[in-house]
Every structure is written in C-alpha cells, then in structure tokens.
N, C-alpha and C. Protein backbone atom coordinates (compact mmCIF):
# COMPACT_ATOMS: atom_id res chain seq x y z
N MET A 1 1.10 -0.83 -0.15
CA MET A 1 0.03 0.10 0.04
C MET A 1 0.66 1.32 -0.39
N LYS A 2 0.72 2.41 -0.81
CA LYS A 2 1.66 3.50 -0.67
C LYS A 2 0.75 4.63 -0.54
N ILE A 3 1.12 5.31 0.61
CA ILE A 3 0.67 6.51 1.50
C ILE A 3 1.10 7.45 0.59
N SER A 4 -0.07 8.28 0.03
CA SER A 4 -0.07 9.67 -0.81
C SER A 4 -0.57 11.07 0.24
N PHE A 5 -0.08 11.89 -0.46
CA PHE A 5 -0.15 13.50 0.89
C PHE A 5 -0.81 14.58 -0.24
N ALA A 6 -1.95 14.78 -0.44
CA ALA A 6 -2.44 16.21 -1.24
C ALA A 6 -3.15 17.30 -0.43
N LYS A 7 -3.11 18.24 -0.68
CA LYS A 7 -3.19 19.34 0.18
C LYS A 7 -4.73 19.84 0.23
N ASN A 8 -5.20 19.24 -1.40
CA ASN A 8 -6.85 19.22 -1.64
C ASN A 8 -7.19 18.35 -2.27
N ILE A 9 -8.33 17.69 -2.11
CA ILE A 9 -9.36 17.04 -3.01
C ILE A 9 -9.04 16.77 -4.39
N LYS A 10 -8.61 18.30 -5.31
CA LYS A 10 -8.40 18.38 -6.45
C LYS A 10 -7.26 18.21 -6.74
N GLU A 11 -6.23 17.96 -5.76
CA GLU A 11 -5.04 17.45 -6.81
C GLU A 11 -4.73 15.81 -7.23
N ILE A 12 -5.87 15.18 -6.57
CA ILE A 12 -6.49 13.71 -7.08
C ILE A 12 -7.17 13.28 -8.11
N LYS A 13 -6.43 13.14 -9.25
CA LYS A 13 -6.85 13.01 -10.52
C LYS A 13 -7.26 11.44 -10.77
N SER A 14 -6.70 10.12 -9.60
CA SER A 14 -7.81 8.55 -10.27
C SER A 14 -8.87 8.60 -9.43
N GLU A 15 -9.14 7.45 -10.09
CA GLU A 15 -10.87 6.97 -9.64
C GLU A 15 -10.52 6.39 -8.06
N VAL A 16 -11.55 6.85 -7.95
CA VAL A 16 -10.82 7.09 -5.57
C VAL A 16 -12.27 7.05 -5.11
N LEU A 17 -11.81 6.58 -3.68
CA LEU A 17 -13.41 5.92 -3.02
C LEU A 17 -13.14 6.83 -1.53
N PHE A 18 -13.72 8.03 -1.73
CA PHE A 18 -13.57 9.03 -0.52
C PHE A 18 -14.69 8.68 0.63
N VAL A 19 -13.55 9.63 1.63
CA VAL A 19 -14.13 8.49 2.39
C VAL A 19 -15.04 10.07 3.97
N SER A 20 -15.67 9.61 4.56
CA SER A 20 -16.41 10.77 5.19
C SER A 20 -16.67 10.51 6.59
N ILE A 21 -16.31 10.33 7.50
CA ILE A 21 -16.20 10.24 8.68
C ILE A 21 -16.91 10.98 9.56
N SER A 22 -18.11 10.47 10.86
CA SER A 22 -19.06 10.96 11.33
C SER A 22 -20.12 10.26 11.92
N PRO A 23 -20.14 10.61 13.10
CA PRO A 23 -21.04 9.82 13.50
C PRO A 23 -22.61 9.94 13.39
N LYS A 24 -23.04 11.05 12.75
CA LYS A 24 -24.65 11.37 11.92
C LYS A 24 -24.29 10.21 11.46
N ASN A 25 -23.13 9.63 10.24
CA ASN A 25 -23.36 9.13 9.19
C ASN A 25 -23.74 7.43 9.58
N LYS A 26 -24.07 6.04 8.49
CA LYS A 26 -24.45 5.07 8.49
C LYS A 26 -24.06 4.24 7.77
N ASP A 27 -22.97 3.25 8.09
CA ASP A 27 -21.94 2.86 7.07
C ASP A 27 -22.79 2.49 5.71
N GLU A 28 -22.33 3.25 4.45
CA GLU A 28 -22.95 3.17 3.55
C GLU A 28 -21.70 3.72 2.70
N ILE A 29 -22.05 2.60 1.44
CA ILE A 29 -21.76 3.84 -0.19
C ILE A 29 -22.04 3.91 -1.22
N ILE A 30 -22.31 5.34 -1.30
CA ILE A 30 -23.48 6.77 -2.30
C ILE A 30 -22.14 6.98 -3.28
N LYS A 31 -22.79 6.61 -4.67
CA LYS A 31 -22.32 7.25 -6.01
C LYS A 31 -23.16 8.15 -6.53
N GLU A 32 -22.69 9.71 -6.00
CA GLU A 32 -23.26 10.91 -6.98
C GLU A 32 -22.41 11.78 -7.52
N GLY A 33 -22.71 11.69 -8.70
CA GLY A 33 -21.95 12.51 -9.63
C GLY A 33 -20.82 11.84 -10.09
N GLY A 34 -20.96 10.40 -10.99
CA GLY A 34 -19.67 9.35 -10.53
C GLY A 34 -19.01 9.71 -9.47
N ILE A 35 -19.43 10.26 -8.69
CA ILE A 35 -17.54 10.84 -7.46
C ILE A 35 -18.36 9.12 -6.65
N LYS A 36 -17.43 7.81 -5.82
CA LYS A 36 -18.15 7.41 -5.20
C LYS A 36 -17.86 7.66 -3.57
N THR A 37 -18.36 8.17 -2.67
CA THR A 37 -18.32 8.34 -1.29
C THR A 37 -18.13 7.27 -0.22
N PHE A 38 -17.87 6.78 0.93
CA PHE A 38 -17.93 6.11 1.77
C PHE A 38 -18.16 7.00 3.01
N TYR A 39 -19.78 7.27 3.30
CA TYR A 39 -20.19 7.44 4.48
C TYR A 39 -19.49 6.28 6.13
N LEU A 40 -18.94 6.47 6.26
CA LEU A 40 -18.22 5.77 7.93
C LEU A 40 -18.96 6.03 8.79
N LYS A 41 -19.34 5.86 9.99
CA LYS A 41 -20.50 6.22 10.82
C LYS A 41 -19.24 5.84 12.13
N CYS A 42 -19.15 6.82 12.71
CA CYS A 42 -17.43 6.38 14.28
C CYS A 42 -18.78 6.51 15.88
N ASP A 43 -18.02 6.01 16.64
CA ASP A 43 -19.30 6.77 17.63
C ASP A 43 -18.76 8.10 17.90
N GLU A 44 -19.65 8.39 18.80
CA GLU A 44 -19.49 10.17 19.57
C GLU A 44 -18.00 9.71 20.67
N LEU A 45 -17.77 11.45 20.87
CA LEU A 45 -16.71 11.31 21.50
C LEU A 45 -16.98 10.81 22.71
N GLU A 46 -17.71 10.70 23.44
CA GLU A 46 -17.78 10.15 25.04
C GLU A 46 -17.44 8.70 24.90
N LYS A 47 -17.87 8.23 23.71
CA LYS A 47 -17.86 6.51 23.81
C LYS A 47 -16.44 5.93 22.94
N MET A 48 -16.16 7.12 22.09
CA MET A 48 -14.47 6.62 21.92
C MET A 48 -12.88 6.27 22.71
N ASN A 49 -12.93 5.19 22.20
CA ASN A 49 -11.57 4.62 22.87
C ASN A 49 -10.45 4.25 22.46
N LEU A 50 -9.30 4.16 22.78
CA LEU A 50 -8.28 3.77 21.95
C LEU A 50 -8.23 2.56 20.89
N ARG A 51 -9.36 1.34 21.31
CA ARG A 51 -9.72 -0.02 21.06
C ARG A 51 -11.06 1.19 19.66
N LYS A 52 -11.26 1.28 19.64
CA LYS A 52 -12.58 1.78 19.01
C LYS A 52 -11.68 2.56 17.65
N LEU A 53 -10.62 3.59 17.99
CA LEU A 53 -10.81 4.33 17.00
C LEU A 53 -9.36 2.89 15.99
N PHE A 54 -8.79 2.39 16.41
CA PHE A 54 -7.90 1.91 15.89
C PHE A 54 -8.89 0.59 14.89
N LEU A 55 -9.91 0.42 15.42
CA LEU A 55 -11.59 -0.01 14.83
C LEU A 55 -11.73 0.42 13.52
N LEU A 56 -11.94 1.81 13.60
CA LEU A 56 -12.45 2.93 13.23
C LEU A 56 -12.01 2.38 12.11
N VAL A 57 -10.11 2.61 11.37
CA VAL A 57 -9.33 2.80 10.52
C VAL A 57 -9.72 1.36 10.03
N ARG A 58 -9.50 -0.06 10.91
CA ARG A 58 -9.71 -1.08 10.23
C ARG A 58 -10.91 -1.20 9.45
N LYS A 59 -12.38 -0.36 9.68
CA LYS A 59 -12.99 -0.80 9.33
C LYS A 59 -13.27 0.23 8.31
N MET A 60 -12.80 1.07 8.07
CA MET A 60 -12.31 1.94 6.94
C MET A 60 -11.77 0.95 5.54
N VAL A 61 -10.41 0.46 6.07
CA VAL A 61 -10.22 -0.18 4.78
C VAL A 61 -11.11 -1.59 4.52
N LEU A 62 -11.30 -2.50 5.46
CA LEU A 62 -11.93 -3.93 5.53
C LEU A 62 -13.21 -3.31 4.42
N SER A 63 -13.77 -2.02 4.73
CA SER A 63 -15.27 -2.15 4.05
C SER A 63 -14.46 -1.35 2.72
N ALA A 64 -13.49 -0.69 2.50
CA ALA A 64 -13.21 -0.07 0.95
C ALA A 64 -13.13 -1.83 -0.05
N LYS A 65 -11.96 -2.35 0.85
CA LYS A 65 -11.55 -3.85 0.39
C LYS A 65 -12.89 -4.39 -0.25
N SER A 66 -13.41 -4.81 0.98
CA SER A 66 -15.37 -5.18 0.32
C SER A 66 -15.96 -4.71 -0.84
N ALA A 67 -15.70 -3.84 -1.31
CA ALA A 67 -16.19 -2.59 -2.87
C ALA A 67 -15.56 -2.99 -3.38
N LYS A 68 -14.27 -3.41 -3.36
CA LYS A 68 -13.39 -3.32 -4.61
C LYS A 68 -12.75 -2.27 -4.68
N ALA A 69 -12.82 -1.65 -3.95
CA ALA A 69 -12.22 -0.33 -4.29
C ALA A 69 -10.56 -0.23 -4.10
N LYS A 70 -9.38 0.71 -5.05
CA LYS A 70 -8.25 -0.10 -5.09
C LYS A 70 -7.46 1.45 -4.52
N LYS A 71 -7.94 2.46 -4.01
CA LYS A 71 -8.05 4.01 -4.13
C LYS A 71 -8.54 4.49 -2.65
N LEU A 72 -8.20 5.00 -1.96
CA LEU A 72 -9.24 5.20 -0.83
C LEU A 72 -9.17 7.34 -0.77
N VAL A 73 -9.70 7.66 -0.01
CA VAL A 73 -8.59 9.55 0.28
C VAL A 73 -9.69 9.95 1.40
N PHE A 74 -9.02 10.21 2.55
CA PHE A 74 -10.16 10.56 3.67
C PHE A 74 -8.99 12.44 4.11
N ASP A 75 -10.13 12.34 4.67
CA ASP A 75 -9.12 13.64 5.52
C ASP A 75 -8.58 13.56 7.03
N PHE A 76 -8.03 13.87 7.39
CA PHE A 76 -6.81 13.21 8.61
C PHE A 76 -7.75 14.47 9.67
N ASN A 77 -8.21 15.74 9.70
CA ASN A 77 -9.39 16.25 10.44
C ASN A 77 -10.67 15.93 11.05
N ASP A 78 -11.12 14.65 9.96
CA ASP A 78 -12.08 13.81 10.02
C ASP A 78 -11.99 13.17 11.07
N PHE A 79 -10.71 12.49 11.51
CA PHE A 79 -9.97 11.73 12.73
C PHE A 79 -10.16 12.41 14.23
N LYS A 80 -9.41 13.79 13.47
CA LYS A 80 -9.31 14.57 14.52
C LYS A 80 -10.58 15.18 15.48
N LYS A 81 -11.40 15.40 14.63
CA LYS A 81 -12.95 16.18 15.31
C LYS A 81 -13.65 14.29 15.75
N VAL A 82 -12.76 13.12 15.58
CA VAL A 82 -13.52 12.19 16.29
C VAL A 82 -13.09 11.74 17.10
N ILE A 83 -11.92 12.41 17.39
CA ILE A 83 -11.12 12.54 19.38
C ILE A 83 -11.32 13.53 19.96
N ASN A 84 -11.66 14.49 19.33
CA ASN A 84 -11.14 15.89 20.10
C ASN A 84 -12.11 17.06 19.29
N PRO A 85 -13.11 16.81 18.82
CA PRO A 85 -14.04 18.17 18.11
C PRO A 85 -14.18 19.43 18.64
N GLU A 86 -13.57 20.14 17.55
CA GLU A 86 -13.30 22.08 18.25
C GLU A 86 -12.99 22.20 19.27
N GLY A 87 -11.77 21.02 19.73
CA GLY A 87 -10.52 21.17 20.66
C GLY A 87 -11.10 20.81 22.32
N LYS A 88 -12.66 20.50 22.09
CA LYS A 88 -12.74 19.97 23.85
C LYS A 88 -12.54 18.39 23.92
N GLY A 89 -12.81 17.33 24.63
CA GLY A 89 -12.36 16.73 24.37
C GLY A 89 -12.35 15.67 26.05
N THR A 90 -12.42 14.22 25.91
CA THR A 90 -12.24 13.79 27.02
C THR A 90 -10.60 13.56 27.17
N SER A 91 -10.28 13.18 28.28
CA SER A 91 -8.91 12.85 28.99
C SER A 91 -8.24 12.19 27.74
N TYR A 92 -8.67 11.03 27.40
CA TYR A 92 -8.50 10.09 26.06
C TYR A 92 -7.93 11.07 24.53
N GLY A 93 -9.24 11.69 23.94
CA GLY A 93 -9.18 12.92 23.56
C GLY A 93 -7.52 13.92 22.91
N ALA A 94 -7.79 14.36 24.07
CA ALA A 94 -7.39 16.03 24.88
C ALA A 94 -5.39 15.21 25.05
N GLY A 95 -5.92 13.99 25.11
CA GLY A 95 -4.19 13.60 25.42
C GLY A 95 -3.86 12.91 24.20
N LEU A 96 -4.28 12.76 23.20
CA LEU A 96 -3.17 12.12 21.81
C LEU A 96 -2.76 13.53 20.80
N SER A 97 -1.72 13.42 20.75
CA SER A 97 -1.59 14.30 19.88
C SER A 97 -1.63 14.30 18.38
N ASP A 98 -1.29 14.92 17.38
CA ASP A 98 -1.80 14.82 15.95
C ASP A 98 -0.94 13.79 15.70
N GLN A 99 0.92 13.82 15.97
CA GLN A 99 1.11 13.29 15.65
C GLN A 99 1.34 11.07 16.39
N GLU A 100 0.83 10.82 17.03
CA GLU A 100 0.41 9.80 17.74
C GLU A 100 -0.97 9.10 17.12
N LEU A 101 -1.66 10.93 16.59
CA LEU A 101 -2.88 10.07 15.73
C LEU A 101 -2.64 9.89 14.17
N GLY A 102 -1.81 10.12 13.66
CA GLY A 102 -1.46 9.85 12.84
C GLY A 102 -0.13 8.17 12.49
N GLU A 103 0.22 8.04 14.04
CA GLU A 103 1.30 7.06 13.96
C GLU A 103 0.23 5.87 13.55
N LEU A 104 -0.75 5.97 14.44
CA LEU A 104 -1.60 5.37 14.85
C LEU A 104 -2.55 4.81 13.18
N ILE A 105 -2.67 5.81 12.96
CA ILE A 105 -3.53 5.92 11.18
C ILE A 105 -2.73 4.97 10.22
N GLY A 106 -1.45 5.33 10.14
CA GLY A 106 -0.52 4.84 9.31
C GLY A 106 -0.41 3.34 9.68
N SER A 107 -0.31 2.82 11.04
CA SER A 107 -0.13 1.90 11.39
C SER A 107 -1.54 0.13 11.10
N GLN A 108 -2.37 1.26 11.68
CA GLN A 108 -3.54 0.36 11.05
C GLN A 108 -4.60 0.37 9.84
N LEU A 109 -3.58 1.32 8.72
CA LEU A 109 -4.44 0.85 7.66
C LEU A 109 -3.91 -0.15 6.68
N ASP A 110 -2.21 -0.37 6.94
CA ASP A 110 -1.44 -1.22 6.61
C ASP A 110 -1.98 -2.32 7.10
N PHE A 111 -2.06 -2.69 8.67
CA PHE A 111 -2.90 -4.21 9.01
C PHE A 111 -3.99 -4.63 8.86
N ALA A 112 -5.06 -3.55 8.67
CA ALA A 112 -5.94 -4.14 8.28
C ALA A 112 -6.28 -4.49 6.43
N ASN A 113 -5.17 -3.97 5.50
CA ASN A 113 -4.77 -4.59 4.00
C ASN A 113 -4.14 -5.71 4.10
N TYR A 114 -3.30 -6.27 5.29
CA TYR A 114 -2.64 -7.22 5.30
C TYR A 114 -3.50 -8.63 5.22
N GLU A 115 -3.07 -9.40 4.04
CA GLU A 115 -3.60 -10.30 4.30
C GLU A 115 -2.68 -11.67 4.17
N PHE A 116 -2.43 -12.99 4.43
CA PHE A 116 -1.52 -13.91 4.16
C PHE A 116 -1.96 -14.62 2.79
N ILE A 117 -1.89 -14.75 1.82
CA ILE A 117 -1.98 -15.84 0.39
C ILE A 117 -1.54 -15.68 0.01
N ASP A 118 -0.53 -16.61 0.29
CA ASP A 118 0.34 -17.66 -0.31
C ASP A 118 0.15 -18.49 -1.00
N TYR A 119 -0.82 -19.67 -0.16
CA TYR A 119 -1.16 -20.80 -0.16
C TYR A 119 -3.20 -20.77 -0.52
N LYS A 120 -3.04 -19.42 -1.45
CA LYS A 120 -4.83 -19.48 -1.42
C LYS A 120 -4.93 -19.73 -3.31
N THR A 121 -5.48 -19.66 -3.54
CA THR A 121 -5.80 -20.05 -5.04
C THR A 121 -6.72 -18.45 -5.81
N PRO A 122 -5.66 -17.68 -6.57
CA PRO A 122 -6.74 -15.90 -6.28
C PRO A 122 -7.88 -16.41 -7.18
N PRO A 123 -8.59 -15.81 -6.70
CA PRO A 123 -10.18 -16.34 -6.95
C PRO A 123 -9.81 -14.86 -8.91
N GLU A 124 -10.92 -15.13 -9.59
CA GLU A 124 -10.63 -14.61 -11.18
C GLU A 124 -10.69 -13.12 -11.05
N GLU A 125 -11.46 -12.18 -10.21
CA GLU A 125 -10.83 -10.74 -10.00
C GLU A 125 -10.12 -10.51 -9.25
N GLY A 126 -9.20 -11.54 -8.94
CA GLY A 126 -8.03 -11.06 -7.58
C GLY A 126 -8.57 -11.41 -6.70
N PHE A 127 -7.16 -10.38 -6.11
CA PHE A 127 -7.41 -10.58 -4.42
C PHE A 127 -7.37 -8.91 -3.96
N SER A 128 -8.24 -8.70 -3.47
CA SER A 128 -9.07 -7.57 -3.02
C SER A 128 -8.12 -6.97 -2.43
N PHE A 129 -7.20 -6.00 -2.60
CA PHE A 129 -6.48 -4.68 -1.66
C PHE A 129 -6.69 -3.44 -2.33
N ILE A 130 -6.30 -2.45 -1.01
CA ILE A 130 -6.15 -1.07 -1.09
C ILE A 130 -4.50 -1.33 -1.56
N GLU A 131 -4.45 -0.43 -3.02
CA GLU A 131 -2.55 -0.12 -3.45
C GLU A 131 -2.80 1.17 -3.41
N GLU A 132 -3.22 2.27 -2.87
CA GLU A 132 -2.89 3.47 -2.51
C GLU A 132 -3.66 4.23 -2.08
N VAL A 133 -3.64 5.33 0.02
CA VAL A 133 -4.41 5.60 0.22
C VAL A 133 -4.13 7.15 0.16
N PHE A 134 -4.77 8.71 -0.07
CA PHE A 134 -4.40 9.86 0.11
C PHE A 134 -4.98 10.28 1.05
N VAL A 135 -3.95 11.16 2.00
CA VAL A 135 -4.13 12.00 3.33
C VAL A 135 -4.20 13.40 2.37
N PHE A 136 -5.22 14.00 2.96
CA PHE A 136 -5.09 15.41 3.02
C PHE A 136 -5.44 15.73 4.17
N GLY A 137 -5.16 17.79 4.62
CA GLY A 137 -5.49 18.05 5.42
C GLY A 137 -4.10 17.92 7.14
N THR A 138 -3.13 17.82 6.34
CA THR A 138 -2.18 17.09 7.33
C THR A 138 -1.19 18.46 6.96
N LYS A 139 -0.18 18.06 7.84
CA LYS A 139 1.18 18.61 8.24
C LYS A 139 2.76 17.95 8.25
N GLU A 140 3.68 18.49 7.23
CA GLU A 140 4.55 18.02 7.54
C GLU A 140 5.50 16.66 9.07
N ASN A 141 4.92 17.49 9.82
CA ASN A 141 5.57 16.42 11.13
C ASN A 141 4.43 15.33 11.18
N VAL A 142 2.93 15.81 10.60
CA VAL A 142 1.62 14.58 11.02
C VAL A 142 2.23 13.78 9.42
N GLU A 143 2.53 13.63 8.76
CA GLU A 143 3.20 13.19 7.83
C GLU A 143 3.84 12.20 7.64
N LYS A 144 4.80 12.77 8.29
CA LYS A 144 6.41 11.57 8.84
C LYS A 144 5.29 10.40 9.98
N ALA A 145 5.29 10.67 10.31
CA ALA A 145 4.15 10.40 11.90
C ALA A 145 3.59 9.15 10.92
N ILE A 146 2.82 9.42 10.04
CA ILE A 146 1.72 8.67 9.31
C ILE A 146 2.40 7.47 8.38
N LEU A 147 3.46 7.52 8.17
CA LEU A 147 4.89 6.94 7.31
C LEU A 147 6.03 6.40 8.09
N LYS A 148 5.76 6.60 9.06
CA LYS A 148 6.42 5.90 10.39
C LYS A 148 5.75 4.75 10.79
N GLY A 149 4.73 5.19 11.03
CA GLY A 149 3.70 4.04 11.25
C GLY A 149 3.36 3.03 10.10
N ASP A 150 3.07 3.55 8.87
CA ASP A 150 3.33 2.74 7.79
C ASP A 150 4.65 1.44 8.00
N MET A 151 5.58 2.34 7.94
CA MET A 151 6.52 1.22 8.04
C MET A 151 7.24 0.24 9.15
N THR A 152 6.13 0.84 10.83
CA THR A 152 6.22 -0.14 11.65
C THR A 152 5.35 -1.15 11.24
N ALA A 153 3.78 -1.35 10.36
CA ALA A 153 3.41 -1.89 9.97
C ALA A 153 3.88 -2.85 9.03
N LYS A 154 4.87 -2.58 8.51
CA LYS A 154 4.99 -3.03 6.97
C LYS A 154 5.67 -4.49 7.92
N ASP A 155 7.09 -4.26 8.66
CA ASP A 155 7.70 -4.65 9.15
C ASP A 155 7.12 -5.65 10.23
N VAL A 156 5.79 -6.11 10.45
CA VAL A 156 5.42 -6.65 11.56
C VAL A 156 4.55 -7.81 10.37
N ASN A 157 3.61 -6.67 9.32
CA ASN A 157 3.03 -8.37 8.91
C ASN A 157 4.43 -8.77 8.04
N LYS A 158 5.53 -8.32 7.16
CA LYS A 158 6.17 -9.51 7.27
C LYS A 158 6.63 -10.20 8.32
N THR A 159 6.95 -10.29 9.53
CA THR A 159 6.60 -11.11 10.98
C THR A 159 5.74 -12.02 10.81
N ARG A 160 4.59 -11.36 10.44
CA ARG A 160 3.59 -12.05 10.50
C ARG A 160 3.44 -12.72 9.40
N SER A 161 3.64 -13.22 8.00
CA SER A 161 4.09 -13.37 6.47
C SER A 161 5.30 -15.13 7.18
N LEU A 162 6.08 -14.63 7.58
CA LEU A 162 7.05 -16.09 8.44
C LEU A 162 6.37 -16.40 9.27
N GLY A 163 5.73 -16.20 10.04
CA GLY A 163 5.03 -16.67 11.10
C GLY A 163 3.78 -17.68 10.43
N ASN A 164 3.13 -17.15 9.49
CA ASN A 164 1.86 -18.15 8.82
C ASN A 164 2.33 -19.22 8.28
N MET A 165 3.66 -19.61 7.64
CA MET A 165 4.59 -20.19 6.73
C MET A 165 4.57 -21.51 7.52
N PRO A 166 3.82 -23.01 6.90
CA PRO A 166 3.99 -23.90 7.51
C PRO A 166 5.22 -24.36 7.95
N GLY A 167 5.75 -25.33 9.30
CA GLY A 167 7.23 -25.41 9.11
C GLY A 167 8.26 -26.32 7.81
N GLY A 168 6.72 -26.99 7.21
CA GLY A 168 7.72 -27.69 6.40
C GLY A 168 8.26 -26.77 5.14
N ASP A 169 7.94 -25.53 5.22
CA ASP A 169 8.30 -24.69 4.19
C ASP A 169 9.30 -23.66 4.57
N MET A 170 9.38 -22.88 6.08
CA MET A 170 9.61 -22.38 6.71
C MET A 170 10.74 -23.03 7.78
N THR A 171 11.41 -23.49 7.06
CA THR A 171 12.83 -24.94 7.59
C THR A 171 13.30 -23.50 8.63
N PRO A 172 14.44 -24.31 9.24
CA PRO A 172 15.11 -23.02 10.02
C PRO A 172 16.28 -22.75 9.30
N GLN A 173 16.93 -23.30 8.07
CA GLN A 173 17.77 -22.73 7.18
C GLN A 173 17.12 -21.56 6.48
N ILE A 174 16.18 -21.79 6.05
CA ILE A 174 14.91 -20.29 5.52
C ILE A 174 14.99 -19.24 6.87
N LEU A 175 15.29 -19.67 7.62
CA LEU A 175 14.54 -18.46 8.43
C LEU A 175 15.77 -17.71 9.01
N ALA A 176 16.50 -18.10 8.99
CA ALA A 176 17.75 -17.67 9.38
C ALA A 176 18.43 -16.60 8.19
N GLU A 177 18.09 -17.32 7.13
CA GLU A 177 18.03 -16.46 6.07
C GLU A 177 17.80 -14.97 5.71
N GLU A 178 16.18 -15.18 6.01
CA GLU A 178 15.12 -14.24 5.91
C GLU A 178 15.48 -13.05 7.38
N ALA A 179 16.41 -13.27 8.45
CA ALA A 179 16.49 -12.66 9.95
C ALA A 179 17.75 -11.73 8.91
N LYS A 180 18.60 -12.66 8.08
CA LYS A 180 19.53 -12.08 7.45
C LYS A 180 19.06 -10.37 6.61
N LYS A 181 18.17 -11.01 6.05
CA LYS A 181 17.84 -10.04 4.60
C LYS A 181 17.03 -8.99 6.03
N ALA A 182 16.21 -9.39 6.71
CA ALA A 182 15.58 -7.78 7.34
C ALA A 182 16.60 -7.19 7.99
N VAL A 183 17.67 -7.07 7.89
CA VAL A 183 18.88 -6.21 9.30
C VAL A 183 20.18 -5.93 8.06
N LYS A 184 19.93 -6.11 6.49
CA LYS A 184 20.74 -5.87 5.58
C LYS A 184 21.12 -4.48 5.76
N GLY A 185 22.13 -3.94 5.68
CA GLY A 185 22.05 -2.63 5.63
C GLY A 185 22.34 -2.02 7.20
N LEU A 186 21.99 -2.86 8.00
CA LEU A 186 21.79 -2.11 9.11
C LEU A 186 23.13 -2.82 10.32
N PRO A 187 23.46 -1.91 11.34
CA PRO A 187 24.36 -2.01 12.15
C PRO A 187 23.81 -3.19 12.83
N VAL A 188 23.75 -4.01 12.60
CA VAL A 188 22.92 -5.43 13.05
C VAL A 188 24.13 -6.50 12.67
N LYS A 189 24.61 -7.82 13.64
CA LYS A 189 25.20 -8.92 13.11
C LYS A 189 24.84 -9.69 13.85
N VAL A 190 24.23 -10.86 12.66
CA VAL A 190 23.59 -12.22 12.55
C VAL A 190 24.42 -12.91 12.95
N SER A 191 24.09 -14.23 13.86
CA SER A 191 25.23 -15.41 14.70
C SER A 191 23.90 -16.31 14.15
N VAL A 192 23.89 -17.48 13.27
CA VAL A 192 23.30 -18.54 12.92
C VAL A 192 23.91 -19.59 13.58
N LEU A 193 23.56 -20.18 15.03
CA LEU A 193 23.70 -21.66 15.54
C LEU A 193 23.79 -23.08 14.72
N GLY A 194 24.87 -23.50 14.48
CA GLY A 194 23.88 -24.95 14.03
C GLY A 194 24.38 -25.52 15.39
N GLU A 195 23.79 -27.18 14.74
CA GLU A 195 23.35 -27.91 16.07
C GLU A 195 25.03 -28.31 16.93
N LYS A 196 26.27 -28.44 16.15
CA LYS A 196 27.57 -28.13 17.39
C LYS A 196 27.93 -27.22 18.04
N GLU A 197 27.66 -26.17 17.56
CA GLU A 197 27.32 -24.38 18.27
C GLU A 197 26.26 -24.40 19.90
N MET A 198 25.11 -25.05 19.28
CA MET A 198 24.45 -25.41 20.03
C MET A 198 24.35 -26.00 21.53
N GLU A 199 24.84 -27.18 20.81
CA GLU A 199 25.23 -28.15 21.89
C GLU A 199 27.00 -27.53 22.54
N LYS A 200 27.24 -26.67 22.14
CA LYS A 200 28.52 -26.22 22.33
C LYS A 200 28.40 -25.27 23.49
N GLU A 201 27.05 -24.28 23.30
CA GLU A 201 26.31 -23.15 24.19
C GLU A 201 25.65 -23.93 25.18
N LYS A 202 25.32 -25.12 24.85
CA LYS A 202 24.41 -25.72 26.07
C LYS A 202 23.31 -25.79 25.89
C-alpha cells in the first residue's frame, strides 16, 4: 500500500473512494455524480476509546476492500474531530497529539490491508487490496508520523507472513536467511548457530 499526501481533493485525479467520517453517518457507499463516497459511522466522542479508534481505521479499509476499491481518500481532520471536536475532549481525546494520531492511522491502514495469501488460489477478479491511500489536511510532522506507522506495520506484516508459513516450508535455514535479509544494511550482526554450536552453548 502506498500512502500519498495532497493539499486538497482537487489534486487527486485518479478514480478513488472518498471517505466521510461522522457519528451522524451510517455505513454506506453512495455514488453521486460519478463520485463514490463511503459514509463511515463512528462513535460519539464520549464513547470513543483507543481500541475503537483502531477498529474505525480498520473498518474503513476492510469496507473499502469489500467494495473492491483500489484507492482511498480521507481527511486527517475527520479523525481529529472524532477524538477532539472543536478542541474539546475527554482525557483520552485531549491526550493524543496529532503525531500520535498520525502514527496510529498509518499503522492500522496496513494492518487492515494485510492478508496472508501465499497458499490461496486467486479468485477470477484477483485478490482485493487497497493499493494507494491519499490523505489530505496534514502538516509535515503528521505526514512523517503516518509514514512511520506505515513502516512499522509493513515490518510487522513481514513477520506475520514468516509466522504463517507452515514448518515444512519455513525451515530453520530459510528462517535464518530471512533474518539476515531483514537487517541487511543495518549495524546488526547475525550469528546462525548449527547443532554443534548449540551443543557447545548448551
């Protein structure tokens, strides 16, 4: 999944699914004037908590995947209003900075988009994944936070894929090679122990 940033909706030229987030919505996708909008319902502020915020981002992605959308667009400020409308808020809402919210969104986008498909037969129309997400209403510090969350989730998802491989395919030798690949270019030393080395170390 690629994450892109735009200053306003007019910059986005490709066919996308726009997302509108509000407690007044009901979950539905409506096409008006050739534009598809996903009206995503969220809880009122007093009912919102961190777990529900995770699930809200995931619901946005999963619903878009179900609708076979490839590209999503949303306004970062919609999420800010969910946790802290008009600068008011609960201790939770007031305690979450823009950067923390951005990092949370960036990670949950990728977590929701992940699916282990290595052993699945592709359907005729292909697997449904979100290929690109456009975010507008952000400042540079928030964009960096979103990309940080995105990078963290991508690395976690790589680990999930390794864990999902059956033991017959993910042998110790292959796992050792994957560990080396994962830290390539980093100041990390990897030592792979064989039977003799493990016996020596008891």
